[in-house]
């Protein structure tokens, strides 16, 4: 598996060291309406072609393994961040935490 490295100062961009060569690929999670984009040749050739031809976003047809891994990393970091806020003593208490959790669960993309 490739190693994911967040790019400092760019919260939605990640670098990946190739698992088979010395190359480094960059993922931008904001591209393609949040479905992501990658500098990996497979993405540039096949996935981007599928996106331009109207294939559904967030599927194997439009995302490479690097984009999916960056999304997993971002989701994991976001969950840790919000749980730290919700569980901290400085939080607005249980009612505030429950309200924020409800807002997050009801948010539609």
C-alpha atoms as a PDB file:
ATOM      1  CA  UNK A   1       0.000   0.000   0.000  1.00  0.00           C
ATOM      2  CA  UNK A   2       1.160   3.516  -0.757  1.00  0.00           C
ATOM      3  CA  UNK A   3       2.052   5.881   2.061  1.00  0.00           C
ATOM      4  CA  UNK A   4      -0.224   8.931   2.352  1.00  0.00           C
ATOM      5  CA  UNK A   5       1.313  12.260   3.399  1.00  0.00           C
ATOM      6  CA  UNK A   6      -0.836  15.352   3.937  1.00  0.00           C
ATOM      7  CA  UNK A   7       0.569  18.434   2.194  1.00  0.00           C
ATOM      8  CA  UNK A   8       1.208  21.080   4.850  1.00  0.00           C
ATOM      9  CA  UNK A   9      -0.958  24.157   4.440  1.00  0.00           C
ATOM     10  CA  UNK A  10      -3.201  22.429   1.875  1.00  0.00           C
ATOM     11  CA  UNK A  11      -5.789  20.467   3.897  1.00  0.00           C
ATOM     12  CA  UNK A  12      -7.407  18.701   0.939  1.00  0.00           C
ATOM     13  CA  UNK A  13      -4.208  17.651  -0.865  1.00  0.00           C
ATOM     14  CA  UNK A  14      -2.045  14.579  -0.243  1.00  0.00           C
ATOM     15  CA  UNK A  15       1.118  13.027  -1.641  1.00  0.00           C
ATOM     16  CA  UNK A  16       1.596   9.296  -2.119  1.00  0.00           C
ATOM     17  CA  UNK A  17       4.844   7.436  -2.558  1.00  0.00           C
ATOM     18  CA  UNK A  18       4.369   4.830  -5.257  1.00  0.00           C
ATOM     19  CA  UNK A  19       4.476   1.255  -3.997  1.00  0.00           C
ATOM     20  CA  UNK A  20       6.217   0.127  -7.216  1.00  0.00           C
ATOM     21  CA  UNK A  21       8.519   3.012  -8.201  1.00  0.00           C
ATOM     22  CA  UNK A  22      10.165   6.210  -6.958  1.00  0.00           C
ATOM     23  CA  UNK A  23       7.267   8.366  -8.174  1.00  0.00           C
ATOM     24  CA  UNK A  24       5.140  10.596  -5.960  1.00  0.00           C
ATOM     25  CA  UNK A  25       1.488  11.137  -6.843  1.00  0.00           C
ATOM     26  CA  UNK A  26      -0.615  14.071  -5.673  1.00  0.00           C
ATOM     27  CA  UNK A  27      -4.320  13.857  -4.831  1.00  0.00           C
ATOM     28  CA  UNK A  28      -6.631  16.870  -4.589  1.00  0.00           C
ATOM     29  CA  UNK A  29      -9.897  15.949  -2.861  1.00  0.00           C
ATOM     30  CA  UNK A  30     -11.704  19.125  -3.989  1.00  0.00           C
ATOM     31  CA  UNK A  31     -11.422  18.388  -7.700  1.00  0.00           C
ATOM     32  CA  UNK A  32     -14.341  16.916  -9.667  1.00  0.00           C
ATOM     33  CA  UNK A  33     -17.011  18.210  -7.295  1.00  0.00           C
ATOM     34  CA  UNK A  34     -15.328  16.615  -4.285  1.00  0.00           C
ATOM     35  CA  UNK A  35     -14.809  13.223  -5.919  1.00  0.00           C
ATOM     36  CA  UNK A  36     -11.074  13.963  -6.178  1.00  0.00           C
ATOM     37  CA  UNK A  37      -8.312  13.886  -8.770  1.00  0.00           C
ATOM     38  CA  UNK A  38      -4.874  12.295  -8.855  1.00  0.00           C
ATOM     39  CA  UNK A  39      -1.648  12.807 -10.818  1.00  0.00           C
ATOM     40  CA  UNK A  40      -1.358   9.006 -11.235  1.00  0.00           C
ATOM     41  CA  UNK A  41      -1.364   8.030 -14.942  1.00  0.00           C
ATOM     42  CA  UNK A  42      -4.290   5.611 -14.481  1.00  0.00           C
ATOM     43  CA  UNK A  43      -6.425   8.457 -13.180  1.00  0.00           C
ATOM     44  CA  UNK A  44      -5.374  10.863 -15.930  1.00  0.00           C
ATOM     45  CA  UNK A  45      -6.063   8.331 -18.676  1.00  0.00           C
ATOM     46  CA  UNK A  46      -9.012   6.206 -17.530  1.00  0.00           C
ATOM     47  CA  UNK A  47     -10.749   7.880 -14.583  1.00  0.00           C
ATOM     48  CA  UNK A  48     -10.727  11.425 -15.974  1.00  0.00           C
ATOM     49  CA  UNK A  49     -12.040  10.081 -19.302  1.00  0.00           C
ATOM     50  CA  UNK A  50     -14.901   8.377 -17.450  1.00  0.00           C
ATOM     51  CA  UNK A  51     -15.692  11.571 -15.532  1.00  0.00           C
ATOM     52  CA  UNK A  52     -15.824  13.595 -18.762  1.00  0.00           C
ATOM     53  CA  UNK A  53     -18.148  10.961 -20.262  1.00  0.00           C
ATOM     54  CA  UNK A  54     -20.632  11.271 -17.403  1.00  0.00           C
ATOM     55  CA  UNK A  55     -19.846   8.182 -15.323  1.00  0.00           C
ATOM     56  CA  UNK A  56     -21.041   8.572 -11.725  1.00  0.00           C
ATOM     57  CA  UNK A  57     -18.599  10.191  -9.325  1.00  0.00           C
ATOM     58  CA  UNK A  58     -17.344   8.392  -6.180  1.00  0.00           C
ATOM     59  CA  UNK A  59     -17.156   5.006  -7.962  1.00  0.00           C
ATOM     60  CA  UNK A  60     -14.379   2.678  -9.107  1.00  0.00           C
ATOM     61  CA  UNK A  61     -14.868   4.080 -12.613  1.00  0.00           C
ATOM     62  CA  UNK A  62     -13.970   7.593 -11.499  1.00  0.00           C
ATOM     63  CA  UNK A  63     -11.598   7.148  -8.533  1.00  0.00           C
ATOM     64  CA  UNK A  64      -8.186   5.502  -8.298  1.00  0.00           C
ATOM     65  CA  UNK A  65      -6.803   3.845  -5.165  1.00  0.00           C
ATOM     66  CA  UNK A  66      -4.911   7.005  -4.190  1.00  0.00           C
ATOM     67  CA  UNK A  67      -8.058   9.149  -4.171  1.00  0.00           C
ATOM     68  CA  UNK A  68      -9.892   6.541  -2.086  1.00  0.00           C
ATOM     69  CA  UNK A  69      -7.038   6.312   0.404  1.00  0.00           C
ATOM     70  CA  UNK A  70      -6.838  10.114   0.698  1.00  0.00           C
ATOM     71  CA  UNK A  71     -10.582  10.215   1.388  1.00  0.00           C
ATOM     72  CA  UNK A  72     -10.222   7.538   4.082  1.00  0.00           C
ATOM     73  CA  UNK A  73      -7.356   9.466   5.656  1.00  0.00           C
ATOM     74  CA  UNK A  74      -9.303  12.748   5.583  1.00  0.00           C
ATOM     75  CA  UNK A  75     -12.431  11.100   7.043  1.00  0.00           C
ATOM     76  CA  UNK A  76     -10.408   9.472   9.807  1.00  0.00           C
ATOM     77  CA  UNK A  77      -8.663  12.730  10.710  1.00  0.00           C
ATOM     78  CA  UNK A  78     -11.989  14.604  10.645  1.00  0.00           C
ATOM     79  CA  UNK A  79     -13.607  12.070  12.984  1.00  0.00           C
ATOM     80  CA  UNK A  80     -10.707  12.387  15.423  1.00  0.00           C
ATOM     81  CA  UNK A  81     -10.880  16.180  15.253  1.00  0.00           C
ATOM     82  CA  UNK A  82     -14.624  16.321  15.928  1.00  0.00           C
ATOM     83  CA  UNK A  83     -14.490  13.702  18.655  1.00  0.00           C
ATOM     84  CA  UNK A  84     -11.764  15.685  20.416  1.00  0.00           C
ATOM     85  CA  UNK A  85     -13.956  18.791  20.266  1.00  0.00           C
ATOM     86  CA  UNK A  86     -17.096  16.978  21.388  1.00  0.00           C
ATOM     87  CA  UNK A  87     -15.358  15.222  24.257  1.00  0.00           C
ATOM     88  CA  UNK A  88     -13.291  18.153  25.481  1.00  0.00           C
ATOM     89  CA  UNK A  89     -14.121  19.846  28.754  1.00  0.00           C
ATOM     90  CA  UNK A  90     -14.256  23.191  26.927  1.00  0.00           C
ATOM     91  CA  UNK A  91     -17.138  21.917  24.807  1.00  0.00           C
ATOM     92  CA  UNK A  92     -20.539  23.449  25.385  1.00  0.00           C
ATOM     93  CA  UNK A  93     -21.605  20.345  27.254  1.00  0.00           C
ATOM     94  CA  UNK A  94     -23.572  17.276  26.304  1.00  0.00           C
ATOM     95  CA  UNK A  95     -26.467  19.246  24.755  1.00  0.00           C
ATOM     96  CA  UNK A  96     -24.107  21.198  22.494  1.00  0.00           C
ATOM     97  CA  UNK A  97     -22.310  18.023  21.475  1.00  0.00           C
ATOM     98  CA  UNK A  98     -25.589  16.278  20.652  1.00  0.00           C
ATOM     99  CA  UNK A  99     -26.728  19.273  18.590  1.00  0.00           C
ATOM    100  CA  UNK A 100     -23.471  19.347  16.606  1.00  0.00           C
ATOM    101  CA  UNK A 101     -23.634  15.575  16.045  1.00  0.00           C
ATOM    102  CA  UNK A 102     -27.210  15.900  14.745  1.00  0.00           C
ATOM    103  CA  UNK A 103     -26.141  18.667  12.341  1.00  0.00           C
ATOM    104  CA  UNK A 104     -23.278  16.544  11.013  1.00  0.00           C
ATOM    105  CA  UNK A 105     -25.513  13.500  10.481  1.00  0.00           C
ATOM    106  CA  UNK A 106     -28.157  15.554   8.665  1.00  0.00           C
ATOM    107  CA  UNK A 107     -25.719  17.406   6.408  1.00  0.00           C
ATOM    108  CA  UNK A 108     -26.340  16.657   2.728  1.00  0.00           C
ATOM    109  CA  UNK A 109     -23.621  16.907   0.116  1.00  0.00           C
END
